[in-house]
Amino acid sequence: MLTETAEEAGFLLRVENLTIRIDQPHGGFLAVDDVSFELGEGETLALVGQSGSGKTMTALSLIGLLPRQARKVNGEVWFAHRRISSGGKASFKQLRGRDIAMIFQEPHSALNPVFRAGTQVVDVMKTHLRVSSKSAKLKVLELFEHVGLSDPIWTYQAYAHQLSGGMAQRVMIAMALSCGPRLIIADEPTTALDVSTQLQILRLIKNLQEQHRFSLLLITHDISVVSALADSVIVMSGGKIVDRGDVRQ
């Protein structure tokens, strides 16, 4: 068991011996098997691997969003000065959205289809910050402009089905930034986009990280994305880490 906090050890995030089991009617299997890694302030770590390698399951465990059939059977997770793996649902609820935010790979699925895009970001801010509805709306409009949405007012009023893939992903990035997180988890953030929009989103994420200095945990199978964004890389296969190193390697 760790005797020092993540910050004392020089890391924002520290994962030790994480093991996640998927339970099935006729048995089960380890989706994540004894995974350990660290992430520093302002750094980008890429988790790379094929579908089913355990990279997304690893990330979801960090914010308490494991699917019902999955359960953590071993491991410790430290974020900043707290051991979040032992804090229960309340601990994850406090962290999720405020200190740790996530950008999902399917932005249209991540947005609620029955609420306007802007009000969904406002709701996130009001959940985690002491802010009025008016102040939150003004901040969201600023964020929409900040992430490159050409008509923030129209986007604020739009529903998910009215947004292109690139616009929806920019809304999700604005939502992730809205509470000033120290860590953003990006799960295949460009998979659902066309090639030209992928490049725009990658440049946007890189520029925003340089401006806001958040740490980034990037989940992908695309080596071009890794080379564009990451400082270091972990390769996963069958739930295990099979290789790791500097991105230049």
Foldseek 3Di string as FASTA:
>chain_A
DDPAAQVVVQFQKWKFQWWKWFADPVGTAILAGGDIDTHHFLAEEEEAEDPSLNQVVVVCLVLVNHDPRMDTPDIWMGGHGDTQNPPPNVSSVLCEQAAEYEQEQQLLVVFDQVDQLQVVLLVSCVVHHPDDSVRSSVLLLVQLVLLPNPDSVVSRRDGSVVDDRLSSSSSSVSSSPSNLYQEYEYANNPPVDDPVSSVSVLVSVQVVSVVSRHYYYYYDNDLVSCLSGHQKYFYGGSNYTDDIDGNVD
